[in-house]
């Protein structure tokens, strides 16, 4: 987790970094073949556990939000609500939020799943992604993190038979 800048100059630098990270960055880091592999990995995982997983990639915060020091965690929570990840039958939604400009990943889990898994386990999944991202490896590190997440969810929230898919498996690139 990064520390948000407190000075005016630091906030301006943060806003500028987000402003300069365009939407093309998201498509470059997550091309179509990666998006297809992500959807397949989420679908495969959801056969093993009862949670509903959603991945959202945001190249950058809006400059105003970056300047106002909206944290990665707060943005993830807002998207968790906006995309209805909370609205699953068993309160079992899990959002993986990637902010490329901030180089941060956050996971927000609905209460039924969130209380079963330790923060250190969620953080380990995030580290799998961020360490891969630091090497420029978005494809394999994202898939490894999704498999790691599915293993955690299967252990704590195993599938109990056939059920409907409540959230789309496709990643969202904002």
N, C-alpha and C. Protein backbone atom coordinates (compact mmCIF):
# COMPACT_ATOMS: atom_id res chain seq x y z
N UNK A 1 0.85 -1.17 0.00
CA UNK A 1 0.00 0.00 0.00
C UNK A 1 0.89 1.23 0.00
N UNK A 2 0.62 2.16 -0.90
CA UNK A 2 1.44 3.35 -0.98
C UNK A 2 0.88 4.45 -0.08
N UNK A 3 1.76 5.37 0.24
CA UNK A 3 1.36 6.52 1.04
C UNK A 3 0.93 7.64 0.10
N UNK A 4 -0.19 8.25 0.36
CA UNK A 4 -0.68 9.33 -0.48
C UNK A 4 0.08 10.61 -0.16
N UNK A 5 0.40 11.40 -1.17
CA UNK A 5 1.13 12.64 -0.93
C UNK A 5 0.28 13.65 -0.16
N UNK A 6 0.93 14.38 0.73
CA UNK A 6 0.20 15.39 1.51
C UNK A 6 0.46 16.80 1.02
N UNK A 7 1.60 17.03 0.38
CA UNK A 7 1.91 18.38 -0.07
C UNK A 7 1.16 18.68 -1.37
N UNK A 8 1.00 19.95 -1.64
CA UNK A 8 0.35 20.39 -2.88
C UNK A 8 1.15 19.89 -4.08
N UNK A 9 2.47 20.01 -4.03
CA UNK A 9 3.33 19.57 -5.14
C UNK A 9 3.20 18.06 -5.34
N UNK A 10 3.16 17.30 -4.25
CA UNK A 10 3.02 15.85 -4.35
C UNK A 10 1.69 15.45 -4.95
N UNK A 11 0.65 16.15 -4.55
CA UNK A 11 -0.67 15.86 -5.11
C UNK A 11 -0.72 16.21 -6.59
N UNK A 12 -0.05 17.30 -6.97
CA UNK A 12 0.02 17.68 -8.39
C UNK A 12 0.77 16.62 -9.20
N UNK A 13 1.90 16.12 -8.67
CA UNK A 13 2.66 15.07 -9.35
C UNK A 13 1.80 13.81 -9.51
N UNK A 14 1.06 13.46 -8.47
CA UNK A 14 0.20 12.28 -8.53
C UNK A 14 -0.87 12.47 -9.61
N UNK A 15 -1.51 13.62 -9.62
CA UNK A 15 -2.55 13.89 -10.62
C UNK A 15 -1.96 13.86 -12.02
N UNK A 16 -0.77 14.41 -12.19
CA UNK A 16 -0.12 14.43 -13.50
C UNK A 16 0.22 13.02 -13.97
N UNK A 17 0.71 12.17 -13.06
CA UNK A 17 1.02 10.78 -13.42
C UNK A 17 -0.25 10.07 -13.90
N UNK A 18 -1.36 10.31 -13.23
CA UNK A 18 -2.61 9.67 -13.64
C UNK A 18 -3.11 10.27 -14.95
N UNK A 19 -2.96 11.57 -15.10
CA UNK A 19 -3.40 12.24 -16.32
C UNK A 19 -2.62 11.74 -17.53
N UNK A 20 -1.34 11.42 -17.33
CA UNK A 20 -0.48 11.01 -18.43
C UNK A 20 -0.59 9.52 -18.76
N UNK A 21 -1.30 8.77 -17.95
CA UNK A 21 -1.50 7.35 -18.22
C UNK A 21 -2.84 7.21 -18.94
N UNK A 22 -2.77 6.98 -20.23
CA UNK A 22 -3.99 6.95 -21.04
C UNK A 22 -4.62 5.58 -21.10
N UNK A 23 -5.79 5.54 -21.71
CA UNK A 23 -6.54 4.29 -21.82
C UNK A 23 -5.81 3.27 -22.68
N UNK A 24 -4.94 3.73 -23.58
CA UNK A 24 -4.20 2.78 -24.41
C UNK A 24 -3.27 1.92 -23.56
N UNK A 25 -2.86 2.43 -22.41
CA UNK A 25 -2.01 1.66 -21.50
C UNK A 25 -2.74 0.39 -21.05
N UNK A 26 -4.02 0.49 -20.77
CA UNK A 26 -4.80 -0.67 -20.35
C UNK A 26 -4.85 -1.73 -21.43
N UNK A 27 -5.04 -1.34 -22.68
CA UNK A 27 -5.10 -2.30 -23.78
C UNK A 27 -3.72 -2.88 -24.10
N UNK A 28 -2.69 -2.10 -23.88
CA UNK A 28 -1.33 -2.59 -24.11
C UNK A 28 -0.96 -3.65 -23.06
N UNK A 29 -1.31 -3.39 -21.82
CA UNK A 29 -0.99 -4.32 -20.73
C UNK A 29 -1.92 -5.53 -20.71
N UNK A 30 -3.16 -5.33 -21.17
CA UNK A 30 -4.17 -6.39 -21.15
C UNK A 30 -4.77 -6.53 -22.55
N UNK A 31 -3.99 -7.10 -23.48
CA UNK A 31 -4.51 -7.29 -24.85
C UNK A 31 -5.62 -8.35 -24.87
N UNK A 32 -6.24 -8.50 -26.02
CA UNK A 32 -7.39 -9.39 -26.16
C UNK A 32 -7.09 -10.82 -25.70
N UNK A 33 -5.94 -11.36 -26.04
CA UNK A 33 -5.63 -12.75 -25.64
C UNK A 33 -5.55 -12.87 -24.12
N UNK A 34 -5.07 -11.82 -23.45
CA UNK A 34 -5.00 -11.82 -21.99
C UNK A 34 -6.40 -11.72 -21.41
N UNK A 35 -7.24 -10.87 -21.99
CA UNK A 35 -8.61 -10.73 -21.51
C UNK A 35 -9.38 -12.04 -21.65
N UNK A 36 -9.16 -12.74 -22.76
CA UNK A 36 -9.82 -14.03 -22.95
C UNK A 36 -9.33 -15.06 -21.94
N UNK A 37 -8.04 -15.05 -21.66
CA UNK A 37 -7.48 -15.98 -20.68
C UNK A 37 -7.99 -15.67 -19.27
N UNK A 38 -8.16 -14.39 -18.97
CA UNK A 38 -8.70 -13.98 -17.67
C UNK A 38 -10.13 -14.49 -17.51
N UNK A 39 -10.96 -14.27 -18.52
CA UNK A 39 -12.36 -14.74 -18.46
C UNK A 39 -12.41 -16.25 -18.28
N UNK A 40 -11.55 -16.98 -18.98
CA UNK A 40 -11.52 -18.44 -18.84
C UNK A 40 -11.07 -18.85 -17.45
N UNK A 41 -10.07 -18.17 -16.90
CA UNK A 41 -9.57 -18.50 -15.56
C UNK A 41 -10.63 -18.22 -14.49
N UNK A 42 -11.35 -17.12 -14.64
CA UNK A 42 -12.42 -16.81 -13.69
C UNK A 42 -13.52 -17.86 -13.78
N UNK A 43 -13.92 -18.21 -15.00
CA UNK A 43 -14.97 -19.23 -15.18
C UNK A 43 -14.54 -20.57 -14.60
N UNK A 44 -13.30 -20.96 -14.84
CA UNK A 44 -12.79 -22.23 -14.30
C UNK A 44 -12.79 -22.20 -12.78
N UNK A 45 -12.34 -21.09 -12.19
CA UNK A 45 -12.31 -20.97 -10.74
C UNK A 45 -13.70 -21.03 -10.13
N UNK A 46 -14.65 -20.42 -10.80
CA UNK A 46 -16.01 -20.39 -10.26
C UNK A 46 -16.69 -21.76 -10.33
N UNK A 47 -16.09 -22.71 -11.02
CA UNK A 47 -16.58 -24.09 -10.98
C UNK A 47 -16.11 -24.79 -9.70
N UNK A 48 -15.06 -24.24 -9.07
CA UNK A 48 -14.47 -24.86 -7.88
C UNK A 48 -14.90 -24.21 -6.57
N UNK A 49 -15.44 -23.01 -6.65
CA UNK A 49 -15.87 -22.29 -5.44
C UNK A 49 -17.17 -21.57 -5.69
N UNK A 50 -17.79 -21.06 -4.63
CA UNK A 50 -19.09 -20.40 -4.75
C UNK A 50 -18.99 -18.89 -4.90
N UNK A 51 -17.80 -18.34 -4.86
CA UNK A 51 -17.64 -16.88 -4.98
C UNK A 51 -17.82 -16.45 -6.43
N UNK A 52 -18.08 -15.18 -6.60
CA UNK A 52 -18.17 -14.55 -7.92
C UNK A 52 -17.04 -13.53 -8.02
N UNK A 53 -16.16 -13.71 -9.00
CA UNK A 53 -14.96 -12.89 -9.13
C UNK A 53 -15.11 -11.92 -10.29
N UNK A 54 -14.69 -10.70 -10.07
CA UNK A 54 -14.70 -9.65 -11.10
C UNK A 54 -13.34 -8.98 -11.09
N UNK A 55 -12.76 -8.71 -12.25
CA UNK A 55 -11.48 -8.00 -12.36
C UNK A 55 -11.71 -6.72 -13.14
N UNK A 56 -11.30 -5.61 -12.55
CA UNK A 56 -11.43 -4.30 -13.21
C UNK A 56 -10.06 -3.67 -13.27
N UNK A 57 -9.68 -3.24 -14.47
CA UNK A 57 -8.41 -2.56 -14.70
C UNK A 57 -8.71 -1.12 -15.04
N UNK A 58 -8.10 -0.23 -14.30
CA UNK A 58 -8.25 1.20 -14.59
C UNK A 58 -6.86 1.75 -14.89
N UNK A 59 -6.66 2.24 -16.13
CA UNK A 59 -5.34 2.79 -16.43
C UNK A 59 -4.93 3.90 -15.48
N UNK A 60 -5.89 4.75 -15.10
CA UNK A 60 -5.57 5.86 -14.21
C UNK A 60 -6.85 6.42 -13.61
N UNK A 61 -6.71 6.98 -12.43
CA UNK A 61 -7.83 7.70 -11.83
C UNK A 61 -8.08 8.97 -12.63
N UNK A 62 -9.30 9.49 -12.61
CA UNK A 62 -9.50 10.84 -13.13
C UNK A 62 -8.58 11.79 -12.38
N UNK A 63 -8.03 12.78 -13.08
CA UNK A 63 -7.03 13.67 -12.47
C UNK A 63 -7.56 14.31 -11.19
N UNK A 64 -8.83 14.71 -11.17
CA UNK A 64 -9.40 15.33 -9.97
C UNK A 64 -9.39 14.39 -8.78
N UNK A 65 -9.71 13.11 -9.03
CA UNK A 65 -9.69 12.13 -7.95
C UNK A 65 -8.27 11.87 -7.47
N UNK A 66 -7.32 11.84 -8.41
CA UNK A 66 -5.92 11.64 -8.03
C UNK A 66 -5.43 12.83 -7.19
N UNK A 67 -5.76 14.05 -7.61
CA UNK A 67 -5.35 15.24 -6.86
C UNK A 67 -6.02 15.27 -5.49
N UNK A 68 -7.27 14.82 -5.41
CA UNK A 68 -8.00 14.81 -4.14
C UNK A 68 -7.57 13.66 -3.23
N UNK A 69 -6.57 12.92 -3.66
CA UNK A 69 -6.01 11.81 -2.87
C UNK A 69 -7.01 10.68 -2.61
N UNK A 70 -7.85 10.39 -3.61
CA UNK A 70 -8.68 9.21 -3.51
C UNK A 70 -7.74 8.01 -3.49
N UNK A 71 -7.82 7.20 -2.48
CA UNK A 71 -6.92 6.05 -2.37
C UNK A 71 -7.34 4.95 -3.33
N UNK A 72 -6.40 4.07 -3.61
CA UNK A 72 -6.69 2.91 -4.44
C UNK A 72 -7.81 2.08 -3.80
N UNK A 73 -7.73 1.93 -2.48
CA UNK A 73 -8.73 1.15 -1.74
C UNK A 73 -10.12 1.78 -1.86
N UNK A 74 -10.19 3.11 -1.70
CA UNK A 74 -11.49 3.79 -1.82
C UNK A 74 -12.05 3.66 -3.23
N UNK A 75 -11.19 3.75 -4.24
CA UNK A 75 -11.64 3.60 -5.62
C UNK A 75 -12.15 2.18 -5.85
N UNK A 76 -11.44 1.19 -5.30
CA UNK A 76 -11.87 -0.20 -5.44
C UNK A 76 -13.24 -0.41 -4.80
N UNK A 77 -13.44 0.17 -3.63
CA UNK A 77 -14.74 0.04 -2.96
C UNK A 77 -15.86 0.69 -3.77
N UNK A 78 -15.55 1.83 -4.37
CA UNK A 78 -16.56 2.51 -5.19
C UNK A 78 -16.93 1.66 -6.41
N UNK A 79 -15.94 1.05 -7.05
CA UNK A 79 -16.21 0.20 -8.21
C UNK A 79 -16.91 -1.10 -7.80
N UNK A 80 -16.59 -1.60 -6.62
CA UNK A 80 -17.27 -2.78 -6.06
C UNK A 80 -18.78 -2.51 -6.01
N UNK A 81 -19.14 -1.32 -5.57
CA UNK A 81 -20.55 -0.94 -5.51
C UNK A 81 -21.11 -0.65 -6.90
N UNK A 82 -20.39 0.13 -7.69
CA UNK A 82 -20.87 0.55 -9.01
C UNK A 82 -21.13 -0.65 -9.93
N UNK A 83 -20.29 -1.65 -9.86
CA UNK A 83 -20.43 -2.82 -10.73
C UNK A 83 -21.24 -3.95 -10.09
N UNK A 84 -21.84 -3.70 -8.94
CA UNK A 84 -22.74 -4.66 -8.32
C UNK A 84 -22.08 -5.93 -7.85
N UNK A 85 -20.78 -5.87 -7.53
CA UNK A 85 -20.08 -7.06 -7.07
C UNK A 85 -20.65 -7.51 -5.72
N UNK A 86 -21.21 -6.60 -4.99
CA UNK A 86 -21.84 -6.89 -3.69
C UNK A 86 -23.18 -7.61 -3.84
N UNK A 87 -23.76 -7.56 -5.03
CA UNK A 87 -25.13 -8.01 -5.22
C UNK A 87 -25.19 -9.45 -5.71
N UNK A 88 -24.68 -10.37 -4.89
CA UNK A 88 -24.75 -11.79 -5.22
C UNK A 88 -25.57 -12.50 -4.16
N UNK A 89 -26.12 -13.62 -4.55
CA UNK A 89 -27.05 -14.33 -3.68
C UNK A 89 -26.47 -14.68 -2.31
N UNK A 90 -25.21 -15.10 -2.27
CA UNK A 90 -24.60 -15.50 -1.01
C UNK A 90 -23.66 -14.45 -0.43
N UNK A 91 -23.74 -13.21 -0.93
CA UNK A 91 -22.80 -12.16 -0.50
C UNK A 91 -21.37 -12.66 -0.68
N UNK A 92 -21.09 -13.12 -1.90
CA UNK A 92 -19.82 -13.79 -2.16
C UNK A 92 -19.02 -13.15 -3.29
N UNK A 93 -19.24 -11.86 -3.56
CA UNK A 93 -18.52 -11.18 -4.62
C UNK A 93 -17.11 -10.81 -4.20
N UNK A 94 -16.18 -10.92 -5.16
CA UNK A 94 -14.79 -10.54 -4.94
C UNK A 94 -14.35 -9.70 -6.13
N UNK A 95 -13.87 -8.50 -5.85
CA UNK A 95 -13.37 -7.61 -6.89
C UNK A 95 -11.85 -7.51 -6.77
N UNK A 96 -11.18 -7.73 -7.90
CA UNK A 96 -9.75 -7.43 -8.00
C UNK A 96 -9.67 -6.14 -8.81
N UNK A 97 -9.11 -5.12 -8.20
CA UNK A 97 -9.00 -3.81 -8.86
C UNK A 97 -7.53 -3.50 -9.12
N UNK A 98 -7.23 -3.21 -10.39
CA UNK A 98 -5.87 -2.88 -10.81
C UNK A 98 -5.85 -1.43 -11.26
N UNK A 99 -4.97 -0.64 -10.66
CA UNK A 99 -4.77 0.75 -11.07
C UNK A 99 -3.35 0.81 -11.65
N UNK A 100 -3.26 0.95 -12.97
CA UNK A 100 -1.97 0.90 -13.64
C UNK A 100 -1.09 2.11 -13.31
N UNK A 101 -1.66 3.30 -13.26
CA UNK A 101 -0.85 4.49 -12.96
C UNK A 101 -0.25 4.43 -11.57
N UNK A 102 -1.01 3.93 -10.62
CA UNK A 102 -0.53 3.82 -9.24
C UNK A 102 0.29 2.56 -9.03
N UNK A 103 0.21 1.63 -10.00
CA UNK A 103 0.88 0.32 -9.89
C UNK A 103 0.45 -0.40 -8.62
N UNK A 104 -0.86 -0.38 -8.38
CA UNK A 104 -1.42 -0.99 -7.18
C UNK A 104 -2.58 -1.92 -7.55
N UNK A 105 -2.75 -2.93 -6.70
CA UNK A 105 -3.85 -3.88 -6.83
C UNK A 105 -4.53 -3.95 -5.47
N UNK A 106 -5.85 -3.93 -5.48
CA UNK A 106 -6.63 -4.09 -4.25
C UNK A 106 -7.70 -5.14 -4.50
N UNK A 107 -8.02 -5.86 -3.44
CA UNK A 107 -9.12 -6.82 -3.49
C UNK A 107 -10.16 -6.40 -2.47
N UNK A 108 -11.40 -6.32 -2.94
CA UNK A 108 -12.54 -6.04 -2.05
C UNK A 108 -13.44 -7.26 -2.12
N UNK A 109 -13.74 -7.81 -0.95
CA UNK A 109 -14.57 -9.01 -0.88
C UNK A 109 -15.83 -8.73 -0.09
N UNK A 110 -16.93 -9.28 -0.55
CA UNK A 110 -18.19 -9.16 0.18
C UNK A 110 -18.07 -9.90 1.51
N UNK A 111 -18.95 -9.56 2.43
CA UNK A 111 -18.82 -10.01 3.83
C UNK A 111 -18.80 -11.51 4.02
N UNK A 112 -19.54 -12.26 3.23
CA UNK A 112 -19.59 -13.70 3.43
C UNK A 112 -18.27 -14.38 3.08
N UNK A 113 -17.56 -13.85 2.11
CA UNK A 113 -16.26 -14.37 1.72
C UNK A 113 -15.15 -13.69 2.52
N UNK A 114 -15.27 -12.39 2.67
CA UNK A 114 -14.21 -11.61 3.30
C UNK A 114 -13.87 -12.05 4.71
N UNK A 115 -14.84 -12.47 5.45
CA UNK A 115 -14.56 -12.87 6.84
C UNK A 115 -13.88 -14.23 6.95
N UNK A 116 -13.85 -15.00 5.87
CA UNK A 116 -13.24 -16.32 5.89
C UNK A 116 -11.76 -16.33 5.54
N UNK A 117 -11.29 -15.29 4.88
CA UNK A 117 -9.92 -15.27 4.37
C UNK A 117 -9.13 -14.15 5.05
N UNK A 118 -7.94 -14.49 5.52
CA UNK A 118 -7.08 -13.53 6.23
C UNK A 118 -6.56 -12.45 5.28
N UNK A 119 -6.37 -11.26 5.84
CA UNK A 119 -5.82 -10.15 5.05
C UNK A 119 -4.50 -10.53 4.40
N UNK A 120 -3.68 -11.29 5.09
CA UNK A 120 -2.38 -11.68 4.54
C UNK A 120 -2.55 -12.54 3.28
N UNK A 121 -3.60 -13.32 3.21
CA UNK A 121 -3.86 -14.13 2.02
C UNK A 121 -4.29 -13.25 0.84
N UNK A 122 -5.15 -12.27 1.11
CA UNK A 122 -5.55 -11.33 0.06
C UNK A 122 -4.31 -10.58 -0.44
N UNK A 123 -3.47 -10.13 0.49
CA UNK A 123 -2.27 -9.37 0.13
C UNK A 123 -1.31 -10.21 -0.70
N UNK A 124 -1.22 -11.49 -0.40
CA UNK A 124 -0.35 -12.37 -1.18
C UNK A 124 -0.81 -12.44 -2.64
N UNK A 125 -2.11 -12.48 -2.86
CA UNK A 125 -2.65 -12.48 -4.23
C UNK A 125 -2.28 -11.17 -4.92
N UNK A 126 -2.44 -10.06 -4.22
CA UNK A 126 -2.08 -8.76 -4.79
C UNK A 126 -0.59 -8.70 -5.13
N UNK A 127 0.26 -9.23 -4.25
CA UNK A 127 1.71 -9.23 -4.49
C UNK A 127 2.08 -10.07 -5.71
N UNK A 128 1.37 -11.15 -5.93
CA UNK A 128 1.63 -11.97 -7.12
C UNK A 128 1.47 -11.11 -8.37
N UNK A 129 0.43 -10.28 -8.37
CA UNK A 129 0.19 -9.43 -9.54
C UNK A 129 1.22 -8.30 -9.60
N UNK A 130 1.39 -7.56 -8.52
CA UNK A 130 2.26 -6.39 -8.57
C UNK A 130 3.72 -6.76 -8.84
N UNK A 131 4.17 -7.89 -8.33
CA UNK A 131 5.56 -8.28 -8.62
C UNK A 131 5.71 -8.64 -10.10
N UNK A 132 4.71 -9.29 -10.66
CA UNK A 132 4.74 -9.57 -12.10
C UNK A 132 4.63 -8.31 -12.93
N UNK A 133 3.77 -7.41 -12.52
CA UNK A 133 3.61 -6.15 -13.24
C UNK A 133 4.92 -5.36 -13.27
N UNK A 134 5.66 -5.40 -12.16
CA UNK A 134 6.94 -4.68 -12.09
C UNK A 134 7.92 -5.22 -13.13
N UNK A 135 7.78 -6.47 -13.52
CA UNK A 135 8.62 -7.08 -14.56
C UNK A 135 8.01 -6.90 -15.95
N UNK A 136 6.86 -6.26 -16.02
CA UNK A 136 6.18 -6.09 -17.30
C UNK A 136 5.38 -7.31 -17.72
N UNK A 137 5.15 -8.23 -16.79
CA UNK A 137 4.44 -9.47 -17.06
C UNK A 137 3.01 -9.37 -16.54
N UNK A 138 2.13 -8.87 -17.35
CA UNK A 138 0.74 -8.69 -16.95
C UNK A 138 -0.07 -9.97 -17.17
N UNK A 139 0.21 -10.67 -18.25
CA UNK A 139 -0.56 -11.87 -18.60
C UNK A 139 -0.38 -12.97 -17.55
N UNK A 140 0.84 -13.47 -17.42
CA UNK A 140 1.08 -14.62 -16.54
C UNK A 140 0.85 -14.29 -15.07
N UNK A 141 1.22 -13.08 -14.65
CA UNK A 141 1.04 -12.75 -13.22
C UNK A 141 -0.44 -12.61 -12.87
N UNK A 142 -1.24 -12.10 -13.77
CA UNK A 142 -2.68 -12.00 -13.51
C UNK A 142 -3.30 -13.40 -13.44
N UNK A 143 -2.93 -14.26 -14.37
CA UNK A 143 -3.47 -15.62 -14.35
C UNK A 143 -3.00 -16.38 -13.10
N UNK A 144 -1.74 -16.20 -12.71
CA UNK A 144 -1.24 -16.85 -11.49
C UNK A 144 -2.02 -16.37 -10.27
N UNK A 145 -2.30 -15.07 -10.22
CA UNK A 145 -3.06 -14.52 -9.09
C UNK A 145 -4.49 -15.05 -9.08
N UNK A 146 -5.09 -15.18 -10.24
CA UNK A 146 -6.46 -15.73 -10.31
C UNK A 146 -6.50 -17.18 -9.85
N UNK A 147 -5.49 -17.95 -10.22
CA UNK A 147 -5.43 -19.35 -9.76
C UNK A 147 -5.19 -19.40 -8.25
N UNK A 148 -4.32 -18.53 -7.76
CA UNK A 148 -4.06 -18.44 -6.32
C UNK A 148 -5.35 -18.08 -5.58
N UNK A 149 -6.08 -17.10 -6.10
CA UNK A 149 -7.35 -16.69 -5.51
C UNK A 149 -8.36 -17.83 -5.54
N UNK A 150 -8.46 -18.53 -6.66
CA UNK A 150 -9.40 -19.65 -6.76
C UNK A 150 -9.07 -20.74 -5.76
N UNK A 151 -7.78 -21.01 -5.54
CA UNK A 151 -7.39 -22.00 -4.54
C UNK A 151 -7.84 -21.58 -3.14
N UNK A 152 -7.66 -20.30 -2.81
CA UNK A 152 -8.11 -19.78 -1.51
C UNK A 152 -9.62 -19.90 -1.37
N UNK A 153 -10.33 -19.49 -2.41
CA UNK A 153 -11.79 -19.51 -2.36
C UNK A 153 -12.32 -20.94 -2.30
N UNK A 154 -11.67 -21.84 -3.02
CA UNK A 154 -12.10 -23.24 -2.97
C UNK A 154 -11.91 -23.81 -1.57
N UNK A 155 -10.82 -23.45 -0.92
CA UNK A 155 -10.55 -23.95 0.42
C UNK A 155 -11.58 -23.43 1.43
N UNK A 156 -11.95 -22.17 1.31
CA UNK A 156 -12.82 -21.54 2.30
C UNK A 156 -14.29 -21.45 1.88
N UNK A 157 -14.56 -21.58 0.59
CA UNK A 157 -15.91 -21.36 0.07
C UNK A 157 -16.17 -22.33 -1.09
N UNK A 158 -16.04 -23.64 -0.83
CA UNK A 158 -16.10 -24.64 -1.92
C UNK A 158 -17.45 -24.67 -2.62
N UNK A 159 -17.39 -25.06 -3.88
CA UNK A 159 -18.61 -25.19 -4.67
C UNK A 159 -19.50 -26.27 -4.07
N UNK A 160 -20.78 -26.07 -4.16
CA UNK A 160 -21.73 -27.04 -3.61
C UNK A 160 -22.69 -27.53 -4.67
N UNK A 161 -22.23 -27.66 -5.89
CA UNK A 161 -23.09 -28.09 -6.98
C UNK A 161 -23.29 -26.97 -7.99
N UNK A 162 -24.08 -27.24 -8.99
CA UNK A 162 -24.31 -26.27 -10.06
C UNK A 162 -25.05 -25.05 -9.52
N UNK A 163 -24.68 -23.90 -10.02
CA UNK A 163 -25.34 -22.65 -9.65
C UNK A 163 -25.19 -21.67 -10.81
N UNK A 164 -26.03 -20.67 -10.88
CA UNK A 164 -25.93 -19.71 -11.99
C UNK A 164 -24.73 -18.78 -11.81
N UNK A 165 -24.18 -18.34 -12.93
CA UNK A 165 -23.12 -17.34 -12.91
C UNK A 165 -23.78 -15.98 -12.72
N UNK A 166 -23.48 -15.30 -11.63
CA UNK A 166 -24.18 -14.07 -11.28
C UNK A 166 -23.49 -12.79 -11.76
N UNK A 167 -22.18 -12.87 -12.04
CA UNK A 167 -21.44 -11.71 -12.53
C UNK A 167 -20.68 -12.11 -13.79
N UNK A 168 -20.52 -11.17 -14.73
CA UNK A 168 -19.75 -11.50 -15.92
C UNK A 168 -18.31 -11.90 -15.56
N UNK A 169 -17.75 -12.83 -16.30
CA UNK A 169 -16.38 -13.27 -16.06
C UNK A 169 -15.36 -12.41 -16.79
N UNK A 170 -15.81 -11.63 -17.77
CA UNK A 170 -14.90 -10.81 -18.53
C UNK A 170 -14.36 -9.66 -17.69
N UNK A 171 -13.07 -9.39 -17.86
CA UNK A 171 -12.45 -8.25 -17.19
C UNK A 171 -13.01 -6.96 -17.79
N UNK A 172 -13.04 -5.93 -16.97
CA UNK A 172 -13.47 -4.60 -17.41
C UNK A 172 -12.22 -3.73 -17.49
N UNK A 173 -12.02 -3.10 -18.64
CA UNK A 173 -10.95 -2.11 -18.79
C UNK A 173 -11.64 -0.76 -18.88
N UNK A 174 -11.42 0.07 -17.89
CA UNK A 174 -12.08 1.40 -17.87
C UNK A 174 -11.37 2.38 -18.76
